[in-house]
Amino acid sequence: MRRVGIVGAGGISRTHADRWNQMPGVELAGFYDIIEDAAQRAVQRSGGKVFGSMNELFDAVDYVDVCTPGTAHVQPVIAALEAGIPTVCEKPLANSIADCERIVDAADRTGTPLFVAMVVRFFPQFAKAKEVLDSGAIGAPGVIRTVRSGSYPDAGSGWRKGLAITSYYADFAQSGGVLLDLCIHDIDYQRWCFGEVERVFARGMMFAGKEPKDHALLTLRFASGAVGHIEGSWSYPRGRSSSRIEIAGTGGILEWDSRTRPPVEVALAQEDGSLASSGSSPTAPKDDPYYAELAHFVRCTEAKEPFLVTPYDGLMAVKISRAAIESLETGRPVTIS
């Protein structure tokens, strides 16, 4: 039986704890949080014990799962790596490029396994789309478009009567707004599908004073010459959310839209220039991507196999997100170094 300890007792820790508690061969040992009352509430909800320090938690577990805010990832992640404990780090890898580089350096130096929890790679429809793309069924990739939309995360509690109340999402210095917290999912996914990004251009509402709303449109130019479009939004009414994906290649198109929830549809180009559906690619929409990513971490750690998401992937997702923020601020495209 492997024991896992969670550092951080916020919202995502509850999601992770629920999945750890479902996983055979894994026991949730408990939580450490700098706010002890928060750790106590997490233990009452999910089980385990409250640890008085990170070192106490490290001494009791086989895996560490860091679920603190992105601004507070660097210390616990590096400490866990230096303690030699395989570690999960919730996205983003860190809030800043410099902190991401420190984490990547620590992972390289210690050789301790580090998995970055970029969950969209584990959504069955997005995984199926990548599988179809890699099969060559739609030819050489040319354009990818993804949409991820929902309401402002604190619409019910962080904002009241149009007045801002201090919260993680409302504080751009902490969350990085919709570009770093939400669009980073699609930045990582598109880079996974299409390769390295050379340039990014962004437009959006982040600095428009339209609290509590945020909406962004990104264009990515890939080294291959392909183009990516990303739309991310925290401007929808409460309870309304959706995601979509479209990938066009030289030989066809695939698409999926959560609003209608069909399987991934694939249409292939015919000799006369028309498109003919090749049928639906089956997916398992009830599969839980959060469980899948944590099970992947355990499986790869035990088998000493590489993770689907590497520390370098986590760094590049933050680097591109930060470039998008710079583009939004300056109104100019930004080259990715």
C-alpha atoms as a PDB file:
ATOM      1  CA  MET A   1       0.000   0.000   0.000  1.00  0.00           C
ATOM      2  CA  ARG A   2       1.433   3.373  -1.083  1.00  0.00           C
ATOM      3  CA  ARG A   3       0.723   6.447   1.051  1.00  0.00           C
ATOM      4  CA  VAL A   4       0.191   9.899  -0.434  1.00  0.00           C
ATOM      5  CA  GLY A   5       0.246  13.223   1.370  1.00  0.00           C
ATOM      6  CA  ILE A   6      -1.300  16.418   0.017  1.00  0.00           C
ATOM      7  CA  VAL A   7       0.350  19.805   0.545  1.00  0.00           C
ATOM      8  CA  GLY A   8      -2.340  22.467   0.379  1.00  0.00           C
ATOM      9  CA  ALA A   9      -5.987  22.224   1.400  1.00  0.00           C
ATOM     10  CA  GLY A  10      -7.735  24.419  -1.185  1.00  0.00           C
ATOM     11  CA  GLY A  11     -10.296  23.521  -3.833  1.00  0.00           C
ATOM     12  CA  ILE A  12      -8.132  21.379  -6.123  1.00  0.00           C
ATOM     13  CA  SER A  13      -6.887  19.361  -3.142  1.00  0.00           C
ATOM     14  CA  ARG A  14     -10.431  18.150  -2.580  1.00  0.00           C
ATOM     15  CA  THR A  15     -10.644  16.984  -6.203  1.00  0.00           C
ATOM     16  CA  HIS A  16      -7.350  15.124  -5.865  1.00  0.00           C
ATOM     17  CA  ALA A  17      -8.202  13.675  -2.449  1.00  0.00           C
ATOM     18  CA  ASP A  18     -11.462  12.235  -3.769  1.00  0.00           C
ATOM     19  CA  ARG A  19      -9.556  10.437  -6.539  1.00  0.00           C
ATOM     20  CA  TRP A  20      -6.802   9.169  -4.250  1.00  0.00           C
ATOM     21  CA  ASN A  21      -9.482   7.711  -2.010  1.00  0.00           C
ATOM     22  CA  GLN A  22     -10.903   5.783  -4.978  1.00  0.00           C
ATOM     23  CA  MET A  23      -7.549   4.368  -6.105  1.00  0.00           C
ATOM     24  CA  PRO A  24      -6.629   0.749  -5.262  1.00  0.00           C
ATOM     25  CA  GLY A  25      -3.267   0.332  -3.590  1.00  0.00           C
ATOM     26  CA  VAL A  26      -3.078   3.961  -2.430  1.00  0.00           C
ATOM     27  CA  GLU A  27      -3.907   5.385   0.997  1.00  0.00           C
ATOM     28  CA  LEU A  28      -4.441   9.095   1.642  1.00  0.00           C
ATOM     29  CA  ALA A  29      -2.176   9.808   4.625  1.00  0.00           C
ATOM     30  CA  GLY A  30      -3.397  13.367   5.164  1.00  0.00           C
ATOM     31  CA  PHE A  31      -2.758  17.057   4.575  1.00  0.00           C
ATOM     32  CA  TYR A  32      -0.343  19.826   5.410  1.00  0.00           C
ATOM     33  CA  ASP A  33      -1.356  23.460   4.998  1.00  0.00           C
ATOM     34  CA  ILE A  34       0.093  26.644   6.458  1.00  0.00           C
ATOM     35  CA  ILE A  35      -3.480  27.331   7.673  1.00  0.00           C
ATOM     36  CA  GLU A  36      -4.005  24.479  10.115  1.00  0.00           C
ATOM     37  CA  ASP A  37      -7.784  24.953  10.239  1.00  0.00           C
ATOM     38  CA  ALA A  38      -7.918  24.414   6.469  1.00  0.00           C
ATOM     39  CA  ALA A  39      -5.969  21.163   6.817  1.00  0.00           C
ATOM     40  CA  GLN A  40      -8.279  20.072   9.629  1.00  0.00           C
ATOM     41  CA  ARG A  41     -11.353  20.688   7.477  1.00  0.00           C
ATOM     42  CA  ALA A  42      -9.745  18.718   4.632  1.00  0.00           C
ATOM     43  CA  VAL A  43      -9.077  15.786   6.965  1.00  0.00           C
ATOM     44  CA  GLN A  44     -12.648  15.851   8.260  1.00  0.00           C
ATOM     45  CA  ARG A  45     -13.884  15.729   4.678  1.00  0.00           C
ATOM     46  CA  SER A  46     -11.402  13.306   3.079  1.00  0.00           C
ATOM     47  CA  GLY A  47      -9.669  11.392   5.859  1.00  0.00           C
ATOM     48  CA  GLY A  48      -6.076  11.001   6.963  1.00  0.00           C
ATOM     49  CA  LYS A  49      -4.408  13.247   9.517  1.00  0.00           C
ATOM     50  CA  VAL A  50      -3.179  16.807   9.840  1.00  0.00           C
ATOM     51  CA  PHE A  51       0.599  17.058   9.525  1.00  0.00           C
ATOM     52  CA  GLY A  52       2.321  19.795  11.507  1.00  0.00           C
ATOM     53  CA  SER A  53       5.017  20.400   8.896  1.00  0.00           C
ATOM     54  CA  MET A  54       6.012  19.402   5.404  1.00  0.00           C
ATOM     55  CA  ASN A  55       8.901  17.370   6.778  1.00  0.00           C
ATOM     56  CA  GLU A  56       6.529  15.423   9.013  1.00  0.00           C
ATOM     57  CA  LEU A  57       4.393  14.687   5.944  1.00  0.00           C
ATOM     58  CA  PHE A  58       7.453  13.702   3.885  1.00  0.00           C
ATOM     59  CA  ASP A  59       8.511  11.198   6.558  1.00  0.00           C
ATOM     60  CA  ALA A  60       5.122   9.466   6.393  1.00  0.00           C
ATOM     61  CA  VAL A  61       4.450   9.124   2.655  1.00  0.00           C
ATOM     62  CA  ASP A  62       5.592   7.525  -0.596  1.00  0.00           C
ATOM     63  CA  TYR A  63       4.128  10.242  -2.859  1.00  0.00           C
ATOM     64  CA  VAL A  64       3.596  13.974  -2.458  1.00  0.00           C
ATOM     65  CA  ASP A  65       0.772  15.857  -4.186  1.00  0.00           C
ATOM     66  CA  VAL A  66       1.279  19.651  -4.200  1.00  0.00           C
ATOM     67  CA  CYS A  67      -2.077  21.429  -4.436  1.00  0.00           C
ATOM     68  CA  THR A  68      -1.144  24.888  -3.178  1.00  0.00           C
ATOM     69  CA  PRO A  69      -1.763  28.009  -5.321  1.00  0.00           C
ATOM     70  CA  GLY A  70       0.687  28.414  -8.204  1.00  0.00           C
ATOM     71  CA  THR A  71       2.511  31.196  -6.356  1.00  0.00           C
ATOM     72  CA  ALA A  72       3.313  28.706  -3.572  1.00  0.00           C
ATOM     73  CA  HIS A  73       4.504  25.704  -5.627  1.00  0.00           C
ATOM     74  CA  VAL A  74       8.244  26.256  -5.729  1.00  0.00           C
ATOM     75  CA  GLN A  75       9.072  25.642  -2.039  1.00  0.00           C
ATOM     76  CA  PRO A  76       7.077  22.425  -1.422  1.00  0.00           C
ATOM     77  CA  VAL A  77       7.866  20.932  -4.837  1.00  0.00           C
ATOM     78  CA  ILE A  78      11.622  21.468  -4.517  1.00  0.00           C
ATOM     79  CA  ALA A  79      11.568  20.256  -0.903  1.00  0.00           C
ATOM     80  CA  ALA A  80       9.756  17.060  -1.922  1.00  0.00           C
ATOM     81  CA  LEU A  81      12.152  16.470  -4.817  1.00  0.00           C
ATOM     82  CA  GLU A  82      15.170  16.978  -2.566  1.00  0.00           C
ATOM     83  CA  ALA A  83      13.622  14.512  -0.100  1.00  0.00           C
ATOM     84  CA  GLY A  84      13.533  12.002  -2.980  1.00  0.00           C
ATOM     85  CA  ILE A  85       9.761  11.603  -2.968  1.00  0.00           C
ATOM     86  CA  PRO A  86       7.942  11.235  -6.343  1.00  0.00           C
ATOM     87  CA  THR A  87       5.768  14.323  -6.677  1.00  0.00           C
ATOM     88  CA  VAL A  88       2.634  15.533  -8.406  1.00  0.00           C
ATOM     89  CA  CYS A  89       2.422  19.299  -8.958  1.00  0.00           C
ATOM     90  CA  GLU A  90      -0.933  20.809  -9.885  1.00  0.00           C
ATOM     91  CA  LYS A  91      -0.786  23.254 -12.801  1.00  0.00           C
ATOM     92  CA  PRO A  92       0.674  25.753 -13.367  1.00  0.00           C
ATOM     93  CA  LEU A  93       4.107  24.429 -12.519  1.00  0.00           C
ATOM     94  CA  ALA A  94       4.691  27.844 -10.927  1.00  0.00           C
ATOM     95  CA  ASN A  95       3.420  31.379 -11.378  1.00  0.00           C
ATOM     96  CA  SER A  96       6.672  32.734 -12.831  1.00  0.00           C
ATOM     97  CA  ILE A  97       9.152  31.490 -15.419  1.00  0.00           C
ATOM     98  CA  ALA A  98      12.001  31.879 -12.935  1.00  0.00           C
ATOM     99  CA  ASP A  99      10.288  29.634 -10.376  1.00  0.00           C
ATOM    100  CA  CYS A 100       9.480  27.080 -13.088  1.00  0.00           C
ATOM    101  CA  GLU A 101      13.150  26.996 -14.052  1.00  0.00           C
ATOM    102  CA  ARG A 102      14.128  26.444 -10.408  1.00  0.00           C
ATOM    103  CA  ILE A 103      11.739  23.478 -10.215  1.00  0.00           C
ATOM    104  CA  VAL A 104      12.962  21.997 -13.511  1.00  0.00           C
ATOM    105  CA  ASP A 105      16.567  22.355 -12.342  1.00  0.00           C
ATOM    106  CA  ALA A 106      15.709  20.604  -9.049  1.00  0.00           C
ATOM    107  CA  ALA A 107      14.020  17.732 -10.891  1.00  0.00           C
ATOM    108  CA  ASP A 108      17.062  17.331 -13.164  1.00  0.00           C
ATOM    109  CA  ARG A 109      19.511  17.597 -10.278  1.00  0.00           C
ATOM    110  CA  THR A 110      17.771  15.148  -7.940  1.00  0.00           C
ATOM    111  CA  GLY A 111      16.421  12.727 -10.521  1.00  0.00           C
ATOM    112  CA  THR A 112      13.204  12.502  -8.484  1.00  0.00           C
ATOM    113  CA  PRO A 113      10.083  11.866 -10.604  1.00  0.00           C
ATOM    114  CA  LEU A 114       7.954  15.016 -11.051  1.00  0.00           C
ATOM    115  CA  PHE A 115       4.596  14.944 -12.830  1.00  0.00           C
ATOM    116  CA  VAL A 116       2.801  18.186 -13.785  1.00  0.00           C
ATOM    117  CA  ALA A 117      -0.974  17.719 -13.587  1.00  0.00           C
ATOM    118  CA  MET A 118      -2.111  19.185 -16.934  1.00  0.00           C
ATOM    119  CA  VAL A 119      -5.458  17.424 -16.833  1.00  0.00           C
ATOM    120  CA  VAL A 120      -6.771  18.266 -20.320  1.00  0.00           C
ATOM    121  CA  ARG A 121      -4.362  15.729 -21.845  1.00  0.00           C
ATOM    122  CA  PHE A 122      -6.361  13.111 -19.909  1.00  0.00           C
ATOM    123  CA  PHE A 123      -9.870  14.148 -20.990  1.00  0.00           C
ATOM    124  CA  PRO A 124     -10.982  11.204 -23.156  1.00  0.00           C
ATOM    125  CA  GLN A 125     -12.142  13.357 -26.063  1.00  0.00           C
ATOM    126  CA  PHE A 126      -8.914  15.370 -26.157  1.00  0.00           C
ATOM    127  CA  ALA A 127      -6.841  12.208 -25.811  1.00  0.00           C
ATOM    128  CA  LYS A 128      -8.825  10.622 -28.673  1.00  0.00           C
ATOM    129  CA  ALA A 129      -8.273  13.695 -30.866  1.00  0.00           C
ATOM    130  CA  LYS A 130      -4.505  13.443 -30.258  1.00  0.00           C
ATOM    131  CA  GLU A 131      -4.629   9.724 -31.083  1.00  0.00           C
ATOM    132  CA  VAL A 132      -6.425  10.383 -34.387  1.00  0.00           C
ATOM    133  CA  LEU A 133      -3.978  13.185 -35.224  1.00  0.00           C
ATOM    134  CA  ASP A 134      -0.966  10.976 -34.498  1.00  0.00           C
ATOM    135  CA  SER A 135      -2.398   8.179 -36.631  1.00  0.00           C
ATOM    136  CA  GLY A 136      -2.092  10.383 -39.721  1.00  0.00           C
ATOM    137  CA  ALA A 137      -5.775   9.898 -40.556  1.00  0.00           C
ATOM    138  CA  ILE A 138      -6.340  13.626 -41.223  1.00  0.00           C
ATOM    139  CA  GLY A 139      -2.943  14.232 -42.819  1.00  0.00           C
ATOM    140  CA  ALA A 140      -0.385  16.859 -41.860  1.00  0.00           C
ATOM    141  CA  PRO A 141      -1.783  19.200 -39.177  1.00  0.00           C
ATOM    142  CA  GLY A 142      -2.483  22.762 -40.251  1.00  0.00           C
ATOM    143  CA  VAL A 143      -4.874  24.501 -37.840  1.00  0.00           C
ATOM    144  CA  ILE A 144      -6.044  23.737 -34.309  1.00  0.00           C
ATOM    145  CA  ARG A 145      -8.766  25.628 -32.426  1.00  0.00           C
ATOM    146  CA  THR A 146      -9.817  25.096 -28.832  1.00  0.00           C
ATOM    147  CA  VAL A 147     -12.409  26.887 -26.696  1.00  0.00           C
ATOM    148  CA  ARG A 148     -12.737  26.716 -22.896  1.00  0.00           C
ATOM    149  CA  SER A 149     -15.370  28.884 -21.258  1.00  0.00           C
ATOM    150  CA  GLY A 150     -17.149  29.299 -17.954  1.00  0.00           C
ATOM    151  CA  SER A 151     -18.112  31.802 -15.283  1.00  0.00           C
ATOM    152  CA  TYR A 152     -15.692  33.747 -13.144  1.00  0.00           C
ATOM    153  CA  PRO A 153     -14.393  31.273 -10.527  1.00  0.00           C
ATOM    154  CA  ASP A 154     -15.379  33.514  -7.615  1.00  0.00           C
ATOM    155  CA  ALA A 155     -18.600  34.804  -9.142  1.00  0.00           C
ATOM    156  CA  GLY A 156     -20.616  33.652  -6.149  1.00  0.00           C
ATOM    157  CA  SER A 157     -18.236  34.280  -3.272  1.00  0.00           C
ATOM    158  CA  GLY A 158     -15.264  36.390  -4.331  1.00  0.00           C
ATOM    159  CA  TRP A 159     -17.335  39.241  -5.739  1.00  0.00           C
ATOM    160  CA  ARG A 160     -20.491  40.839  -4.352  1.00  0.00           C
ATOM    161  CA  LYS A 161     -22.489  43.804  -5.630  1.00  0.00           C
ATOM    162  CA  GLY A 162     -19.761  44.684  -8.110  1.00  0.00           C
ATOM    163  CA  LEU A 163     -17.127  45.123  -5.388  1.00  0.00           C
ATOM    164  CA  ALA A 164     -13.941  43.101  -5.448  1.00  0.00           C
ATOM    165  CA  ILE A 165     -13.188  40.979  -2.414  1.00  0.00           C
ATOM    166  CA  THR A 166      -9.614  39.784  -2.129  1.00  0.00           C
ATOM    167  CA  SER A 167      -9.287  36.312  -3.582  1.00  0.00           C
ATOM    168  CA  TYR A 168      -6.780  34.259  -5.497  1.00  0.00           C
ATOM    169  CA  TYR A 169      -8.524  34.640  -8.858  1.00  0.00           C
ATOM    170  CA  ALA A 170      -9.273  38.323  -8.383  1.00  0.00           C
ATOM    171  CA  ASP A 171      -5.608  39.058  -7.710  1.00  0.00           C
ATOM    172  CA  PHE A 172      -3.868  39.017 -11.090  1.00  0.00           C
ATOM    173  CA  ALA A 173      -0.434  38.962  -9.449  1.00  0.00           C
ATOM    174  CA  GLN A 174      -1.326  35.573  -7.981  1.00  0.00           C
ATOM    175  CA  SER A 175      -3.542  33.871 -10.564  1.00  0.00           C
ATOM    176  CA  GLY A 176      -2.343  35.448 -13.825  1.00  0.00           C
ATOM    177  CA  GLY A 177      -5.988  35.754 -14.853  1.00  0.00           C
ATOM    178  CA  VAL A 178      -7.661  33.665 -17.498  1.00  0.00           C
ATOM    179  CA  LEU A 179      -4.467  33.369 -19.559  1.00  0.00           C
ATOM    180  CA  LEU A 180      -2.329  31.691 -16.892  1.00  0.00           C
ATOM    181  CA  ASP A 181      -5.032  29.830 -14.986  1.00  0.00           C
ATOM    182  CA  LEU A 182      -7.400  28.655 -17.748  1.00  0.00           C
ATOM    183  CA  CYS A 183      -5.853  29.092 -21.210  1.00  0.00           C
ATOM    184  CA  ILE A 184      -2.697  27.340 -20.018  1.00  0.00           C
ATOM    185  CA  HIS A 185      -4.626  24.060 -20.380  1.00  0.00           C
ATOM    186  CA  ASP A 186      -5.104  24.642 -24.103  1.00  0.00           C
ATOM    187  CA  ILE A 187      -1.639  26.099 -24.589  1.00  0.00           C
ATOM    188  CA  ASP A 188      -0.208  22.864 -23.234  1.00  0.00           C
ATOM    189  CA  TYR A 189      -2.608  20.715 -25.249  1.00  0.00           C
ATOM    190  CA  GLN A 190      -1.935  22.517 -28.533  1.00  0.00           C
ATOM    191  CA  ARG A 191       1.820  22.338 -28.006  1.00  0.00           C
ATOM    192  CA  TRP A 192       1.443  18.599 -27.286  1.00  0.00           C
ATOM    193  CA  CYS A 193      -0.389  18.191 -30.598  1.00  0.00           C
ATOM    194  CA  PHE A 194       1.522  20.566 -32.870  1.00  0.00           C
ATOM    195  CA  GLY A 195       4.983  20.988 -31.331  1.00  0.00           C
ATOM    196  CA  GLU A 196       6.958  24.042 -30.281  1.00  0.00           C
ATOM    197  CA  VAL A 197       5.464  27.537 -30.446  1.00  0.00           C
ATOM    198  CA  GLU A 198       7.427  30.337 -32.102  1.00  0.00           C
ATOM    199  CA  ARG A 199       5.125  33.317 -31.566  1.00  0.00           C
ATOM    200  CA  VAL A 200       1.959  34.287 -29.698  1.00  0.00           C
ATOM    201  CA  PHE A 201      -0.491  37.158 -30.117  1.00  0.00           C
ATOM    202  CA  ALA A 202      -3.285  37.833 -27.620  1.00  0.00           C
ATOM    203  CA  ARG A 203      -6.289  40.079 -27.162  1.00  0.00           C
ATOM    204  CA  GLY A 204      -8.596  40.127 -24.177  1.00  0.00           C
ATOM    205  CA  MET A 205     -10.348  41.792 -21.256  1.00  0.00           C
ATOM    206  CA  MET A 206      -7.785  41.189 -18.528  1.00  0.00           C
ATOM    207  CA  PHE A 207      -6.859  44.846 -18.193  1.00  0.00           C
ATOM    208  CA  ALA A 208     -10.176  46.320 -19.355  1.00  0.00           C
ATOM    209  CA  GLY A 209     -11.606  46.828 -15.853  1.00  0.00           C
ATOM    210  CA  LYS A 210     -14.635  44.628 -16.525  1.00  0.00           C
ATOM    211  CA  GLU A 211     -14.527  42.812 -13.182  1.00  0.00           C
ATOM    212  CA  PRO A 212     -15.450  40.146 -12.473  1.00  0.00           C
ATOM    213  CA  LYS A 213     -14.989  39.042 -16.073  1.00  0.00           C
ATOM    214  CA  ASP A 214     -12.055  37.941 -18.171  1.00  0.00           C
ATOM    215  CA  HIS A 215     -11.920  36.735 -21.767  1.00  0.00           C
ATOM    216  CA  ALA A 216      -8.965  36.136 -24.080  1.00  0.00           C
ATOM    217  CA  LEU A 217      -8.250  35.178 -27.685  1.00  0.00           C
ATOM    218  CA  LEU A 218      -4.821  33.821 -28.602  1.00  0.00           C
ATOM    219  CA  THR A 219      -3.134  33.015 -31.888  1.00  0.00           C
ATOM    220  CA  LEU A 220      -0.133  30.685 -31.754  1.00  0.00           C
ATOM    221  CA  ARG A 221       2.360  30.273 -34.584  1.00  0.00           C
ATOM    222  CA  PHE A 222       4.095  26.898 -34.433  1.00  0.00           C
ATOM    223  CA  ALA A 223       7.606  26.159 -35.665  1.00  0.00           C
ATOM    224  CA  SER A 224       6.042  23.844 -38.253  1.00  0.00           C
ATOM    225  CA  GLY A 225       4.117  26.771 -39.760  1.00  0.00           C
ATOM    226  CA  ALA A 226       0.800  25.537 -38.372  1.00  0.00           C
ATOM    227  CA  VAL A 227      -1.533  27.926 -36.555  1.00  0.00           C
ATOM    228  CA  GLY A 228      -3.389  27.579 -33.270  1.00  0.00           C
ATOM    229  CA  HIS A 229      -6.374  29.544 -31.985  1.00  0.00           C
ATOM    230  CA  ILE A 230      -7.389  29.549 -28.306  1.00  0.00           C
ATOM    231  CA  GLU A 231     -10.450  31.162 -26.757  1.00  0.00           C
ATOM    232  CA  GLY A 232     -10.688  31.225 -22.980  1.00  0.00           C
ATOM    233  CA  SER A 233     -13.402  32.887 -20.952  1.00  0.00           C
ATOM    234  CA  TRP A 234     -14.484  33.648 -17.398  1.00  0.00           C
ATOM    235  CA  SER A 235     -17.383  35.755 -18.693  1.00  0.00           C
ATOM    236  CA  TYR A 236     -20.227  33.250 -19.003  1.00  0.00           C
ATOM    237  CA  PRO A 237     -23.226  33.114 -16.626  1.00  0.00           C
ATOM    238  CA  ARG A 238     -22.837  30.963 -13.556  1.00  0.00           C
ATOM    239  CA  GLY A 239     -23.407  27.293 -14.236  1.00  0.00           C
ATOM    240  CA  ARG A 240     -22.622  27.616 -17.950  1.00  0.00           C
ATOM    241  CA  SER A 241     -19.393  26.124 -19.239  1.00  0.00           C
ATOM    242  CA  SER A 242     -18.240  24.453 -22.425  1.00  0.00           C
ATOM    243  CA  SER A 243     -15.175  23.251 -24.292  1.00  0.00           C
ATOM    244  CA  ARG A 244     -14.543  22.571 -27.970  1.00  0.00           C
ATOM    245  CA  ILE A 245     -11.771  21.311 -30.193  1.00  0.00           C
ATOM    246  CA  GLU A 246     -11.261  21.377 -33.958  1.00  0.00           C
ATOM    247  CA  ILE A 247      -8.169  20.140 -35.797  1.00  0.00           C
ATOM    248  CA  ALA A 248      -7.783  20.516 -39.569  1.00  0.00           C
ATOM    249  CA  GLY A 249      -5.140  18.682 -41.548  1.00  0.00           C
ATOM    250  CA  THR A 250      -4.290  18.192 -45.208  1.00  0.00           C
ATOM    251  CA  GLY A 251      -6.541  15.128 -45.323  1.00  0.00           C
ATOM    252  CA  GLY A 252      -9.500  15.922 -43.096  1.00  0.00           C
ATOM    253  CA  ILE A 253     -10.984  17.516 -39.986  1.00  0.00           C
ATOM    254  CA  LEU A 254     -11.833  16.274 -36.505  1.00  0.00           C
ATOM    255  CA  GLU A 255     -14.001  18.090 -33.988  1.00  0.00           C
ATOM    256  CA  TRP A 256     -15.756  17.753 -30.640  1.00  0.00           C
ATOM    257  CA  ASP A 257     -18.107  20.105 -28.786  1.00  0.00           C
ATOM    258  CA  SER A 258     -19.099  19.520 -25.169  1.00  0.00           C
ATOM    259  CA  ARG A 259     -22.420  21.328 -25.695  1.00  0.00           C
ATOM    260  CA  THR A 260     -23.727  18.483 -27.848  1.00  0.00           C
ATOM    261  CA  ARG A 261     -21.434  15.796 -26.350  1.00  0.00           C
ATOM    262  CA  PRO A 262     -21.036  13.529 -29.381  1.00  0.00           C
ATOM    263  CA  PRO A 263     -17.951  11.354 -29.747  1.00  0.00           C
ATOM    264  CA  VAL A 264     -15.077  12.886 -31.676  1.00  0.00           C
ATOM    265  CA  GLU A 265     -16.184  13.284 -35.290  1.00  0.00           C
ATOM    266  CA  VAL A 266     -13.656  12.697 -38.085  1.00  0.00           C
ATOM    267  CA  ALA A 267     -14.287  13.840 -41.681  1.00  0.00           C
ATOM    268  CA  LEU A 268     -11.763  12.867 -44.361  1.00  0.00           C
ATOM    269  CA  ALA A 269     -11.047  14.688 -47.636  1.00  0.00           C
ATOM    270  CA  GLN A 270     -12.170  12.950 -50.835  1.00  0.00           C
ATOM    271  CA  GLU A 271     -10.596  13.145 -54.293  1.00  0.00           C
ATOM    272  CA  ASP A 272     -13.315  15.547 -55.459  1.00  0.00           C
ATOM    273  CA  GLY A 273     -12.500  17.930 -52.615  1.00  0.00           C
ATOM    274  CA  SER A 274     -15.509  17.061 -50.485  1.00  0.00           C
ATOM    275  CA  LEU A 275     -15.442  15.773 -46.921  1.00  0.00           C
ATOM    276  CA  ALA A 276     -16.910  12.411 -45.956  1.00  0.00           C
ATOM    277  CA  SER A 277     -17.456  11.317 -42.380  1.00  0.00           C
ATOM    278  CA  SER A 278     -15.468   8.254 -41.430  1.00  0.00           C
ATOM    279  CA  GLY A 279     -17.792   7.639 -38.507  1.00  0.00           C
ATOM    280  CA  SER A 280     -17.485   8.571 -34.882  1.00  0.00           C
ATOM    281  CA  SER A 281     -14.407   7.654 -32.933  1.00  0.00           C
ATOM    282  CA  PRO A 282     -15.646   6.098 -29.696  1.00  0.00           C
ATOM    283  CA  THR A 283     -14.709   7.794 -26.438  1.00  0.00           C
ATOM    284  CA  ALA A 284     -15.613   7.220 -22.828  1.00  0.00           C
ATOM    285  CA  PRO A 285     -16.955  10.597 -21.647  1.00  0.00           C
ATOM    286  CA  LYS A 286     -17.765   9.238 -18.208  1.00  0.00           C
ATOM    287  CA  ASP A 287     -14.066   8.483 -17.614  1.00  0.00           C
ATOM    288  CA  ASP A 288     -12.673  10.794 -14.951  1.00  0.00           C
ATOM    289  CA  PRO A 289      -9.611  12.696 -16.214  1.00  0.00           C
ATOM    290  CA  TYR A 290      -8.510  13.651 -12.691  1.00  0.00           C
ATOM    291  CA  TYR A 291      -8.447  10.002 -11.662  1.00  0.00           C
ATOM    292  CA  ALA A 292      -6.731   9.114 -14.953  1.00  0.00           C
ATOM    293  CA  GLU A 293      -3.887  11.601 -14.475  1.00  0.00           C
ATOM    294  CA  LEU A 294      -3.162  10.499 -10.902  1.00  0.00           C
ATOM    295  CA  ALA A 295      -3.361   6.813 -11.873  1.00  0.00           C
ATOM    296  CA  HIS A 296      -0.917   7.614 -14.704  1.00  0.00           C
ATOM    297  CA  PHE A 297       1.470   9.158 -12.171  1.00  0.00           C
ATOM    298  CA  VAL A 298       1.345   6.052  -9.969  1.00  0.00           C
ATOM    299  CA  ARG A 299       1.693   3.627 -12.880  1.00  0.00           C
ATOM    300  CA  CYS A 300       4.664   5.439 -14.426  1.00  0.00           C
ATOM    301  CA  THR A 301       6.381   5.965 -11.079  1.00  0.00           C
ATOM    302  CA  GLU A 302       6.136   2.296 -10.161  1.00  0.00           C
ATOM    303  CA  ALA A 303       7.238   1.160 -13.634  1.00  0.00           C
ATOM    304  CA  LYS A 304       9.969   3.827 -13.822  1.00  0.00           C
ATOM    305  CA  GLU A 305       8.510   5.057 -17.098  1.00  0.00           C
ATOM    306  CA  PRO A 306       8.426   8.669 -18.353  1.00  0.00           C
ATOM    307  CA  PHE A 307       5.353  10.767 -17.609  1.00  0.00           C
ATOM    308  CA  LEU A 308       3.057  12.098 -20.332  1.00  0.00           C
ATOM    309  CA  VAL A 309       3.688  15.602 -18.957  1.00  0.00           C
ATOM    310  CA  THR A 310       7.278  16.512 -18.055  1.00  0.00           C
ATOM    311  CA  PRO A 311       8.631  19.376 -15.939  1.00  0.00           C
ATOM    312  CA  TYR A 312       9.852  20.961 -19.197  1.00  0.00           C
ATOM    313  CA  ASP A 313       6.294  20.812 -20.574  1.00  0.00           C
ATOM    314  CA  GLY A 314       5.133  22.623 -17.449  1.00  0.00           C
ATOM    315  CA  LEU A 315       7.804  25.285 -17.924  1.00  0.00           C
ATOM    316  CA  MET A 316       6.916  25.853 -21.587  1.00  0.00           C
ATOM    317  CA  ALA A 317       3.195  26.172 -20.830  1.00  0.00           C
ATOM    318  CA  VAL A 318       3.956  28.945 -18.327  1.00  0.00           C
ATOM    319  CA  LYS A 319       6.451  30.590 -20.688  1.00  0.00           C
ATOM    320  CA  ILE A 320       3.869  30.764 -23.492  1.00  0.00           C
ATOM    321  CA  SER A 321       1.151  31.954 -21.096  1.00  0.00           C
ATOM    322  CA  ARG A 322       3.434  34.715 -19.854  1.00  0.00           C
ATOM    323  CA  ALA A 323       4.238  35.695 -23.444  1.00  0.00           C
ATOM    324  CA  ALA A 324       0.489  35.906 -24.117  1.00  0.00           C
ATOM    325  CA  ILE A 325       0.103  38.232 -21.121  1.00  0.00           C
ATOM    326  CA  GLU A 326       2.941  40.393 -22.451  1.00  0.00           C
ATOM    327  CA  SER A 327       1.259  40.482 -25.871  1.00  0.00           C
ATOM    328  CA  LEU A 328      -2.009  41.533 -24.258  1.00  0.00           C
ATOM    329  CA  GLU A 329      -0.261  44.327 -22.380  1.00  0.00           C
ATOM    330  CA  THR A 330       1.752  45.620 -25.356  1.00  0.00           C
ATOM    331  CA  GLY A 331      -0.621  44.895 -28.250  1.00  0.00           C
ATOM    332  CA  ARG A 332       2.206  43.195 -30.153  1.00  0.00           C
ATOM    333  CA  PRO A 333       3.109  39.576 -30.992  1.00  0.00           C
ATOM    334  CA  VAL A 334       5.719  38.058 -28.694  1.00  0.00           C
ATOM    335  CA  THR A 335       8.385  35.606 -29.816  1.00  0.00           C
ATOM    336  CA  ILE A 336       8.969  32.568 -27.597  1.00  0.00           C
ATOM    337  CA  SER A 337      12.648  32.198 -26.736  1.00  0.00           C
END
